Amino acid sequence: MATKFSSKRPLTKEEEAEIQRMIASDPDAPEATNEELAKAKPFREALPHLAASIDRERARRGRPPIEKPRKHVSLRLDPDIIDHYKATGKGWQSRMNEALRKAAGL
């Protein structure tokens, strides 16, 4: 489907007017009246149980915490060492970490 309007360029006045006409003619999304806006409540106040469930869901997002997280360090290494590990593909830093553990006897 071809896109009639593009976000890659500013809209002309005619295009903007056409978009506004299309918005106004949409029966599923009528514009709110001043009276309706005056009665409006914040989401958390209107639907507190739903807001709380969303907050709980957001708290669970992301990776779970790990027991012993790795620490960020700045380390200068010879370029050929870095090139060697990078050439082994994705996960090269973990393989380098494992080689250091082995060398340290851990």
C-alpha atoms as a PDB file:
ATOM      1  CA  MET A   1       0.000   0.000   0.000  1.00  0.00           C
ATOM      2  CA  ALA A   2       1.427   3.348  -1.003  1.00  0.00           C
ATOM      3  CA  THR A   3       1.787   5.993   1.677  1.00  0.00           C
ATOM      4  CA  LYS A   4       0.014   9.202   0.783  1.00  0.00           C
ATOM      5  CA  PHE A   5       1.646  11.363   3.443  1.00  0.00           C
ATOM      6  CA  SER A   6       5.302  11.169   4.367  1.00  0.00           C
ATOM      7  CA  SER A   7       7.032  12.149   7.600  1.00  0.00           C
ATOM      8  CA  LYS A   8      10.200  12.774   5.592  1.00  0.00           C
ATOM      9  CA  ARG A   9       8.993  16.159   4.418  1.00  0.00           C
ATOM     10  CA  PRO A  10       6.805  18.925   5.798  1.00  0.00           C
ATOM     11  CA  LEU A  11       3.128  18.711   4.890  1.00  0.00           C
ATOM     12  CA  THR A  12       1.634  21.266   2.559  1.00  0.00           C
ATOM     13  CA  LYS A  13      -1.297  23.369   3.822  1.00  0.00           C
ATOM     14  CA  GLU A  14      -3.620  21.364   1.576  1.00  0.00           C
ATOM     15  CA  GLU A  15      -2.344  18.036   2.957  1.00  0.00           C
ATOM     16  CA  GLU A  16      -2.694  19.270   6.522  1.00  0.00           C
ATOM     17  CA  ALA A  17      -6.267  20.430   5.793  1.00  0.00           C
ATOM     18  CA  GLU A  18      -7.100  17.026   4.260  1.00  0.00           C
ATOM     19  CA  ILE A  19      -5.735  15.212   7.311  1.00  0.00           C
ATOM     20  CA  GLN A  20      -7.766  17.445   9.638  1.00  0.00           C
ATOM     21  CA  ARG A  21     -10.911  16.760   7.546  1.00  0.00           C
ATOM     22  CA  MET A  22     -10.282  13.005   7.777  1.00  0.00           C
ATOM     23  CA  ILE A  23      -9.830  13.245  11.555  1.00  0.00           C
ATOM     24  CA  ALA A  24     -13.033  15.251  11.940  1.00  0.00           C
ATOM     25  CA  SER A  25     -15.032  12.776   9.827  1.00  0.00           C
ATOM     26  CA  ASP A  26     -13.947   9.687  11.817  1.00  0.00           C
ATOM     27  CA  PRO A  27     -17.053   8.468  13.692  1.00  0.00           C
ATOM     28  CA  ASP A  28     -14.966   6.208  15.957  1.00  0.00           C
ATOM     29  CA  ALA A  29     -12.856   9.057  17.324  1.00  0.00           C
ATOM     30  CA  PRO A  30     -14.968  12.183  17.796  1.00  0.00           C
ATOM     31  CA  GLU A  31     -13.259  15.245  19.208  1.00  0.00           C
ATOM     32  CA  ALA A  32     -13.826  15.681  22.945  1.00  0.00           C
ATOM     33  CA  THR A  33     -16.065  18.552  23.968  1.00  0.00           C
ATOM     34  CA  ASN A  34     -15.109  21.090  26.638  1.00  0.00           C
ATOM     35  CA  GLU A  35     -17.649  19.480  28.980  1.00  0.00           C
ATOM     36  CA  GLU A  36     -16.090  16.042  28.479  1.00  0.00           C
ATOM     37  CA  LEU A  37     -12.599  17.429  29.039  1.00  0.00           C
ATOM     38  CA  ALA A  38     -13.770  19.116  32.268  1.00  0.00           C
ATOM     39  CA  LYS A  39     -14.996  15.728  33.582  1.00  0.00           C
ATOM     40  CA  ALA A  40     -11.795  13.908  32.601  1.00  0.00           C
ATOM     41  CA  LYS A  41      -9.678  12.308  35.346  1.00  0.00           C
ATOM     42  CA  PRO A  42      -6.054  11.232  35.310  1.00  0.00           C
ATOM     43  CA  PHE A  43      -5.594   7.562  34.323  1.00  0.00           C
ATOM     44  CA  ARG A  44      -4.336   6.538  37.789  1.00  0.00           C
ATOM     45  CA  GLU A  45      -7.398   8.111  39.408  1.00  0.00           C
ATOM     46  CA  ALA A  46      -9.936   6.758  36.898  1.00  0.00           C
ATOM     47  CA  LEU A  47      -8.606   3.178  36.812  1.00  0.00           C
ATOM     48  CA  PRO A  48      -6.372   2.638  39.887  1.00  0.00           C
ATOM     49  CA  HIS A  49      -6.461  -1.196  39.710  1.00  0.00           C
ATOM     50  CA  LEU A  50      -5.302  -1.163  36.078  1.00  0.00           C
ATOM     51  CA  ALA A  51      -2.626   1.449  36.800  1.00  0.00           C
ATOM     52  CA  ALA A  52      -1.282  -0.711  39.651  1.00  0.00           C
ATOM     53  CA  SER A  53      -1.103  -3.804  37.428  1.00  0.00           C
ATOM     54  CA  ILE A  54       0.805  -1.837  34.787  1.00  0.00           C
ATOM     55  CA  ASP A  55       3.244  -0.584  37.441  1.00  0.00           C
ATOM     56  CA  ARG A  56       3.857  -4.172  38.601  1.00  0.00           C
ATOM     57  CA  GLU A  57       4.442  -5.294  35.011  1.00  0.00           C
ATOM     58  CA  ARG A  58       6.923  -2.477  34.401  1.00  0.00           C
ATOM     59  CA  ALA A  59       8.805  -3.405  37.570  1.00  0.00           C
ATOM     60  CA  ARG A  60       9.357  -6.928  36.152  1.00  0.00           C
ATOM     61  CA  ARG A  61      10.692  -5.784  32.786  1.00  0.00           C
ATOM     62  CA  GLY A  62      14.260  -6.250  31.718  1.00  0.00           C
ATOM     63  CA  ARG A  63      16.816  -8.815  32.634  1.00  0.00           C
ATOM     64  CA  PRO A  64      16.553 -10.364  36.062  1.00  0.00           C
ATOM     65  CA  PRO A  65      19.328  -9.348  38.455  1.00  0.00           C
ATOM     66  CA  ILE A  66      22.282 -11.738  38.504  1.00  0.00           C
ATOM     67  CA  GLU A  67      24.053 -12.976  41.602  1.00  0.00           C
ATOM     68  CA  LYS A  68      27.549 -11.772  40.726  1.00  0.00           C
ATOM     69  CA  PRO A  69      27.345  -9.086  38.027  1.00  0.00           C
ATOM     70  CA  ARG A  70      30.456  -8.396  36.009  1.00  0.00           C
ATOM     71  CA  LYS A  71      32.291  -5.146  36.623  1.00  0.00           C
ATOM     72  CA  HIS A  72      33.191  -2.685  33.931  1.00  0.00           C
ATOM     73  CA  VAL A  73      36.934  -2.018  33.645  1.00  0.00           C
ATOM     74  CA  SER A  74      39.111  -0.148  31.227  1.00  0.00           C
ATOM     75  CA  LEU A  75      41.993  -2.296  30.056  1.00  0.00           C
ATOM     76  CA  ARG A  76      44.680  -1.710  27.458  1.00  0.00           C
ATOM     77  CA  LEU A  77      45.518  -4.805  25.422  1.00  0.00           C
ATOM     78  CA  ASP A  78      47.687  -5.409  22.388  1.00  0.00           C
ATOM     79  CA  PRO A  79      45.732  -5.045  19.137  1.00  0.00           C
ATOM     80  CA  ASP A  80      46.624  -8.563  17.962  1.00  0.00           C
ATOM     81  CA  ILE A  81      45.084 -10.063  21.134  1.00  0.00           C
ATOM     82  CA  ILE A  82      41.842  -8.145  20.593  1.00  0.00           C
ATOM     83  CA  ASP A  83      41.802  -9.048  16.871  1.00  0.00           C
ATOM     84  CA  HIS A  84      42.323 -12.724  17.736  1.00  0.00           C
ATOM     85  CA  TYR A  85      39.323 -12.834  20.074  1.00  0.00           C
ATOM     86  CA  LYS A  86      37.086 -10.674  17.862  1.00  0.00           C
ATOM     87  CA  ALA A  87      37.826 -13.011  14.937  1.00  0.00           C
ATOM     88  CA  THR A  88      36.179 -15.839  16.901  1.00  0.00           C
ATOM     89  CA  GLY A  89      32.807 -14.093  16.524  1.00  0.00           C
ATOM     90  CA  LYS A  90      30.027 -13.086  18.836  1.00  0.00           C
ATOM     91  CA  GLY A  91      30.780 -13.729  22.510  1.00  0.00           C
ATOM     92  CA  TRP A  92      34.473 -12.946  22.172  1.00  0.00           C
ATOM     93  CA  GLN A  93      34.512 -10.973  25.421  1.00  0.00           C
ATOM     94  CA  SER A  94      33.097 -13.929  27.347  1.00  0.00           C
ATOM     95  CA  ARG A  95      35.718 -16.204  25.808  1.00  0.00           C
ATOM     96  CA  MET A  96      38.426 -13.722  26.777  1.00  0.00           C
ATOM     97  CA  ASN A  97      37.029 -13.660  30.323  1.00  0.00           C
ATOM     98  CA  GLU A  98      37.108 -17.469  30.445  1.00  0.00           C
ATOM     99  CA  ALA A  99      40.758 -17.504  29.258  1.00  0.00           C
ATOM    100  CA  LEU A 100      41.681 -15.023  31.991  1.00  0.00           C
ATOM    101  CA  ARG A 101      39.887 -17.159  34.606  1.00  0.00           C
ATOM    102  CA  LYS A 102      41.776 -20.217  33.397  1.00  0.00           C
ATOM    103  CA  ALA A 103      45.131 -18.346  33.489  1.00  0.00           C
ATOM    104  CA  ALA A 104      44.358 -17.125  37.030  1.00  0.00           C
ATOM    105  CA  GLY A 105      43.449 -20.661  38.131  1.00  0.00           C
ATOM    106  CA  LEU A 106      39.840 -19.782  38.962  1.00  0.00           C
END
